[in-house]
Protein backbone atom coordinates (compact mmCIF):
# COMPACT_ATOMS: atom_id res chain seq x y z
CA MET A 1 -6.14 -25.39 -12.03
CA PRO A 2 -2.87 -25.27 -12.17
CA SER A 3 -0.11 -27.95 -12.30
CA ASP A 4 1.47 -26.43 -9.56
CA ARG A 5 -1.12 -25.79 -8.05
CA LYS A 6 -1.53 -29.82 -8.06
CA PHE A 7 1.50 -30.56 -7.60
CA ALA A 8 2.47 -28.59 -4.14
CA ALA A 9 -1.05 -30.37 -2.62
CA SER A 10 -0.55 -34.05 -4.35
CA HIS A 11 0.98 -35.30 -0.99
CA ILE A 12 -1.41 -33.85 1.07
CA THR A 13 -3.64 -36.15 2.95
CA SER A 14 -7.11 -35.80 5.16
CA SER A 15 -4.87 -37.22 7.74
CA THR A 16 -1.58 -34.97 7.30
CA PRO A 17 -0.17 -32.71 9.97
CA LEU A 18 -1.26 -29.18 10.32
CA LEU A 19 2.92 -27.95 9.69
CA PRO A 20 3.57 -30.27 6.83
CA ALA A 21 0.44 -28.85 5.27
CA ILE A 22 1.54 -25.23 5.79
CA ASN A 23 5.39 -25.69 4.51
CA SER A 24 3.47 -26.99 0.94
CA TRP A 25 1.15 -23.74 1.02
CA GLU A 26 4.01 -21.86 1.64
CA MET A 27 5.53 -23.55 -1.23
CA PHE A 28 2.69 -22.55 -3.33
CA LEU A 29 2.52 -19.41 -2.62
CA MET A 30 5.97 -18.85 -3.84
CA ASP A 31 5.93 -20.30 -6.70
CA GLN A 32 2.83 -18.07 -7.52
CA GLY A 33 4.70 -15.53 -7.23
CA ARG A 34 3.65 -13.51 -4.49
CA SER A 35 5.44 -11.45 -1.49
CA PRO A 36 7.70 -12.95 0.62
CA TYR A 37 6.69 -10.30 3.31
CA THR A 38 2.81 -11.50 2.51
CA ILE A 39 3.71 -15.27 2.58
CA LYS A 40 6.20 -14.86 5.86
CA ALA A 41 3.43 -12.95 7.05
CA PHE A 42 0.87 -15.63 5.89
CA LYS A 43 2.41 -18.86 7.60
CA GLY A 44 2.93 -17.40 10.16
CA ASP A 45 -0.62 -16.96 11.27
CA LEU A 46 -0.95 -20.18 10.11
CA GLN A 47 1.92 -21.11 12.10
CA LEU A 48 0.55 -19.70 15.72
CA LEU A 49 -3.27 -21.77 14.94
CA ALA A 50 -1.48 -24.51 14.61
CA SER A 51 0.13 -23.53 18.06
CA PHE A 52 -3.51 -23.17 19.42
CA LEU A 53 -4.27 -26.28 19.25
CA PRO A 54 -3.71 -29.39 20.01
CA PRO A 55 0.02 -30.78 18.63
CA ASP A 56 -1.99 -33.84 17.00
CA ALA A 57 -3.92 -31.65 15.00
CA THR A 58 -4.32 -32.88 10.91
CA VAL A 59 -5.63 -31.46 8.75
CA GLY A 60 -9.14 -33.55 8.11
CA SER A 61 -10.05 -32.83 12.77
CA THR A 62 -9.28 -28.93 12.25
CA THR A 63 -13.45 -27.47 12.76
CA THR A 64 -15.12 -24.52 12.83
CA THR A 65 -15.69 -24.33 15.84
CA GLU A 66 -11.85 -24.63 16.72
CA ILE A 67 -11.22 -22.25 13.95
CA ASN A 68 -13.53 -19.67 16.45
CA HIS A 69 -12.25 -20.61 19.51
CA PHE A 70 -8.84 -19.72 17.76
CA LEU A 71 -10.15 -16.32 16.69
CA LYS A 72 -10.71 -15.68 19.96
CA TRP A 73 -8.31 -16.43 22.08
CA LEU A 74 -6.31 -13.79 19.97
CA GLU A 75 -8.39 -10.78 20.32
CA ALA A 76 -9.25 -11.78 24.12
CA GLY A 77 -6.92 -14.52 25.51
CA ARG A 78 -3.33 -14.87 23.98
CA GLY A 79 -2.58 -11.68 26.26
CA VAL A 80 -0.67 -9.61 23.36
CA PRO A 81 -3.05 -6.91 21.50
CA CYS A 82 -4.08 -8.18 18.65
CA SER A 83 -5.37 -5.29 16.30
CA PRO A 84 -8.21 -5.22 13.51
CA LYS A 85 -6.17 -5.71 10.72
CA SER A 86 -4.01 -7.57 12.34
CA LEU A 87 -7.29 -10.37 13.01
CA SER A 88 -8.65 -10.06 9.54
CA ARG A 89 -5.41 -10.63 8.24
CA ARG A 90 -5.05 -14.11 10.15
CA ILE A 91 -8.67 -14.87 9.07
CA THR A 92 -7.87 -14.60 5.40
CA SER A 93 -4.77 -16.65 5.71
CA ILE A 94 -6.91 -19.24 7.55
CA LYS A 95 -9.52 -18.93 4.81
CA SER A 96 -7.60 -19.03 2.04
CA PHE A 97 -5.58 -21.95 3.30
CA PHE A 98 -8.51 -24.35 3.90
CA ARG A 99 -9.89 -23.25 0.43
CA TRP A 100 -6.87 -24.45 -1.61
CA LEU A 101 -7.43 -27.79 0.48
CA GLN A 102 -10.24 -28.37 -0.17
CA GLN A 103 -9.64 -27.37 -4.02
CA ASN A 104 -7.33 -29.60 -4.34
CA GLY A 105 -9.53 -32.35 -3.17
CA VAL A 106 -7.59 -32.60 0.19
CA MET A 107 -10.95 -32.24 1.96
CA VAL A 108 -14.85 -32.32 0.56
CA VAL A 109 -15.83 -29.54 4.05
CA ASP A 110 -13.88 -26.09 3.88
CA PRO A 111 -13.98 -26.01 7.62
CA ALA A 112 -13.11 -21.73 7.14
CA GLU A 113 -15.43 -21.71 4.37
CA LYS A 114 -17.84 -20.21 8.08
CA VAL A 115 -15.69 -17.99 9.58
CA VAL A 116 -16.99 -14.50 9.42
CA GLN A 117 -14.40 -12.19 7.99
CA HIS A 118 -14.18 -8.86 9.61
CA SER A 119 -13.51 -6.77 7.15
CA VAL A 120 -11.27 -4.11 8.32
CA ILE A 121 -11.25 0.31 7.11
CA SER A 122 -8.42 2.02 9.06
CA PRO A 123 -9.39 4.99 9.58
CA LEU A 124 -9.64 8.66 7.82
CA PRO A 125 -6.13 10.57 6.89
CA GLU A 126 -5.31 13.59 7.54
CA VAL A 127 -5.21 16.03 4.26
CA LEU A 128 -4.82 19.63 3.59
CA THR A 129 -7.28 22.22 3.37
CA PRO A 130 -6.92 24.56 -0.33
CA GLU A 131 -5.70 27.17 1.92
CA GLU A 132 -3.17 24.70 4.11
CA GLU A 133 -1.96 24.04 0.74
CA LEU A 134 -1.52 27.13 -0.39
CA SER A 135 0.32 28.36 2.44
CA VAL A 136 2.69 25.16 2.40
CA VAL A 137 3.18 26.37 -0.86
CA GLU A 138 4.46 29.17 -0.09
CA ALA A 139 6.50 28.83 2.23
CA ALA A 140 8.07 26.28 -0.08
CA LEU A 141 8.50 29.17 -2.64
CA LYS A 142 9.99 31.89 -0.35
CA MET A 143 12.72 28.92 0.58
CA ARG A 144 13.42 28.95 -3.12
CA GLN A 145 13.58 32.47 -3.45
CA SER A 146 15.75 33.62 0.05
CA ARG A 147 19.25 35.22 0.40
CA LYS A 148 19.99 31.50 0.30
CA PRO A 149 18.00 30.15 -3.28
CA ASP A 150 17.29 26.92 -2.08
CA ALA A 151 15.25 24.73 -4.49
CA ARG A 152 14.91 21.06 -3.15
CA PRO A 153 11.88 21.93 -0.68
CA TYR A 154 9.79 23.39 -3.83
CA THR A 155 10.78 20.78 -5.81
CA LEU A 156 10.16 18.00 -2.82
CA LEU A 157 6.82 19.31 -2.21
CA THR A 158 5.45 20.17 -5.31
CA LEU A 159 6.65 17.21 -6.55
CA LEU A 160 4.41 15.19 -4.33
CA LEU A 161 1.33 17.17 -4.36
CA SER A 162 0.54 16.94 -8.29
CA THR A 163 1.58 13.29 -8.94
CA GLY A 164 0.69 11.77 -5.75
CA ILE A 165 3.43 9.35 -5.79
CA LYS A 166 4.02 7.05 -2.38
CA LYS A 167 8.07 7.59 0.01
CA GLY A 168 9.19 4.32 -1.42
CA GLU A 169 8.63 5.53 -5.57
CA CYS A 170 10.08 9.53 -4.90
CA LEU A 171 13.07 7.89 -3.39
CA GLY A 172 13.07 5.69 -6.36
CA ILE A 173 13.16 7.80 -9.51
CA HIS A 174 16.06 8.60 -10.73
CA LEU A 175 17.09 10.92 -13.14
CA ASN A 176 16.49 9.58 -16.30
CA HIS A 177 12.93 8.95 -14.81
CA VAL A 178 11.75 12.55 -16.01
CA ASP A 179 11.16 13.02 -19.34
CA LEU A 180 12.04 16.74 -20.71
CA GLU A 181 11.58 16.74 -24.18
CA ALA A 182 9.26 18.49 -24.51
CA PRO A 183 8.56 20.31 -20.87
CA GLU A 184 5.15 21.47 -21.40
CA THR A 185 4.68 17.92 -22.01
CA ALA A 186 6.76 16.34 -19.45
CA ILE A 187 6.56 12.46 -18.03
CA LEU A 188 7.73 11.32 -14.66
CA PHE A 189 8.10 7.49 -14.71
CA ILE A 190 7.32 5.82 -12.03
CA ARG A 191 9.80 2.72 -12.50
CA TYR A 192 10.01 -1.06 -9.98
CA ALA A 193 12.66 -3.74 -9.69
CA ASN A 194 10.64 -6.40 -8.34
CA PRO A 195 9.30 -8.25 -11.01
CA SER A 196 5.02 -8.70 -8.81
CA SER A 197 5.55 -4.80 -8.30
CA ARG A 198 5.20 -4.11 -12.04
CA TYR A 199 1.45 -3.62 -12.25
CA LYS A 200 2.47 0.09 -10.57
CA GLU A 201 4.61 1.58 -12.64
CA ARG A 202 3.00 4.17 -14.64
CA LYS A 203 3.62 7.92 -16.29
CA ILE A 204 2.45 10.78 -14.83
CA SER A 205 2.22 14.02 -16.04
CA LEU A 206 4.24 17.25 -14.31
CA THR A 207 3.81 20.84 -14.80
CA PRO A 208 6.14 22.90 -16.37
CA ASP A 209 6.40 24.96 -13.37
CA TRP A 210 7.64 21.93 -11.85
CA VAL A 211 9.64 21.50 -14.73
CA ASP A 212 11.27 25.10 -13.89
CA ALA A 213 12.16 24.25 -10.17
CA TYR A 214 13.44 21.11 -11.32
CA GLN A 215 15.99 22.52 -13.19
CA GLU A 216 16.55 25.26 -11.09
CA TYR A 217 17.44 22.73 -8.82
CA LEU A 218 19.37 19.85 -11.34
CA ALA A 219 21.86 22.96 -10.96
CA GLN A 220 21.80 23.48 -7.15
CA TYR A 221 22.15 20.08 -6.07
CA GLN A 222 23.57 18.20 -9.51
CA PRO A 223 22.24 15.11 -8.41
CA SER A 224 23.61 12.28 -10.72
CA GLY A 225 21.82 8.97 -10.25
CA GLN A 226 18.83 9.69 -7.02
CA ILE A 227 17.00 12.44 -8.04
CA PHE A 228 16.45 12.86 -3.72
CA PRO A 229 19.81 10.84 -3.06
CA TRP A 230 18.99 11.40 1.06
CA SER A 231 17.60 9.25 3.65
CA PRO A 232 13.40 9.35 4.22
CA ARG A 233 14.02 10.29 7.71
CA ARG A 234 16.48 13.51 5.77
CA LEU A 235 13.04 14.33 3.58
CA GLU A 236 10.69 13.79 6.08
CA TYR A 237 11.83 16.33 7.86
CA LEU A 238 12.44 18.32 5.22
CA LEU A 239 8.42 18.68 4.56
CA GLU A 240 8.49 19.54 8.35
CA GLU A 241 10.54 22.33 8.16
CA ILE A 242 7.67 23.03 5.13
CA GLY A 243 4.70 22.27 7.22
CA ASN A 244 7.20 24.60 10.61
CA ASN A 245 7.63 28.13 7.98
CA ALA A 246 4.04 27.59 6.89
CA GLY A 247 2.71 27.66 10.24
CA LEU A 248 0.96 24.44 9.43
CA SER A 249 -0.66 22.84 12.41
CA LYS A 250 -0.62 19.56 11.30
CA HIS A 251 2.59 17.16 10.40
CA LEU A 252 3.12 17.41 6.98
CA SER A 253 4.29 14.05 5.50
CA PHE A 254 4.51 12.21 2.44
CA ASP A 255 1.23 10.51 3.10
CA MET A 256 -0.30 13.59 3.52
CA CYS A 257 0.73 14.99 0.28
CA ARG A 258 -0.09 11.83 -1.66
CA TRP A 259 -4.13 11.80 0.04
CA THR A 260 -4.27 15.68 -0.87
CA CYS A 261 -3.42 15.08 -4.65
CA ALA A 262 -5.67 12.38 -4.58
CA LEU A 263 -8.60 14.39 -2.86
CA ARG A 264 -7.94 17.42 -5.08
CA ASP A 265 -7.94 14.57 -8.21
CA TRP A 266 -11.44 13.13 -6.69
CA THR A 267 -13.41 17.35 -6.13
CA SER A 268 -12.16 17.70 -9.38
CA GLY A 269 -14.45 15.92 -11.41
CA THR A 270 -11.87 12.93 -12.32
CA GLU A 271 -12.14 10.53 -13.44
CA TYR A 272 -12.07 7.77 -10.77
CA ASP A 273 -9.92 5.18 -12.67
CA LYS A 274 -7.92 8.07 -14.12
CA ILE A 275 -6.90 8.82 -10.43
CA ARG A 276 -7.09 5.23 -9.54
CA GLN A 277 -4.14 4.52 -12.13
CA LYS A 278 -2.41 8.00 -11.09
CA LEU A 279 -2.17 6.55 -7.22
CA GLY A 280 -0.84 3.15 -9.01
CA ILE A 281 -3.54 0.31 -6.70
CA SER A 282 -4.87 -2.00 -7.61
CA LYS A 283 -9.04 -2.20 -8.17
CA VAL A 284 -9.09 -4.14 -5.39
CA GLN A 285 -7.60 -1.66 -3.11
CA TRP A 286 -9.90 1.51 -5.32
CA ARG A 287 -12.57 0.38 -3.34
CA GLU A 288 -11.13 1.52 -0.09
CA VAL A 289 -9.08 4.40 -1.76
CA SER A 290 -13.26 5.47 -2.81
CA MET A 291 -15.23 4.94 -0.25
CA LYS A 292 -12.20 7.57 1.73
CA LEU A 293 -12.04 10.16 -0.69
CA ARG A 294 -15.80 9.88 -0.82
CA ARG A 295 -16.07 10.48 2.97
CA LEU A 296 -13.55 13.21 2.76
CA ALA A 297 -14.52 14.76 0.06
CA GLY A 298 -17.86 14.76 1.43
CA ASP A 299 -20.28 12.92 -0.73
CA GLN A 300 -22.99 10.89 -1.01
CA PRO A 301 -22.49 6.58 -1.46
CA GLU A 302 -22.83 5.62 -5.09
CA GLU A 303 -23.61 2.24 -6.09
CA ALA A 304 -22.46 2.80 -9.37
CA LEU A 305 -18.20 3.33 -6.99
CA GLN A 306 -18.61 -0.38 -5.77
CA ASP A 307 -16.65 -1.29 -8.38
């Protein structure tokens, strides 16, 4: 057992009130390098539980029945909407907290162990059909070849459709992240400043067609740092404009391009782990993503995909 885990829980006993124990758990999560956003959400979930229980509630007095009553209150009695996704996260927070306490010998029985986890799979994403993808690319190409040529729409769109990168990753690309030393094997490097996100870093191959458009774009706009030095909303408007010009009934977005890219790779027979690595997601995240891709492709379930 890691020494920092022992230290964080060393002063907690079964008679410790919930709030001090929650604060110690927060310190433990920080020591583990968890995301500040995750820590804030998890702590908020536990503080909400503490506010629901009696004021004199302690770590050892909390029961499975009380936790289940709390969850029912969240769903129907609080008067504030609690989405299935939020409920699932709150159950995860509670289970993680009490499991940590039990592992450190604070309590013999984990009251959250038998609480049923509500797994949530969000709705299927919207993707472009092959015909729609062709139409938006052609619309962007017309903008590139118009009387006043603008290579930006085509460069942005085809980058998203070929790499599947997220909006934040796109905004974070700098000139030195594109390696054009060998145009036929050009590479895009996805980098993260936050050490906790380093596992998402990767390199993705770029097509010669994109390289040609990119060089036109550089000559027209001459960016000096970020490749796309505009606000997220400005680039979203640009995608919307492409979609409108193509007569698309759907709302063309970063997310739609990402899922379209992933689905194209899936249906073309690309190895599943290569798709996962290209998207920059963990094996845990891939479980849900692969289920969605399978459903989007109309494939039959396979046991081999479970991990």
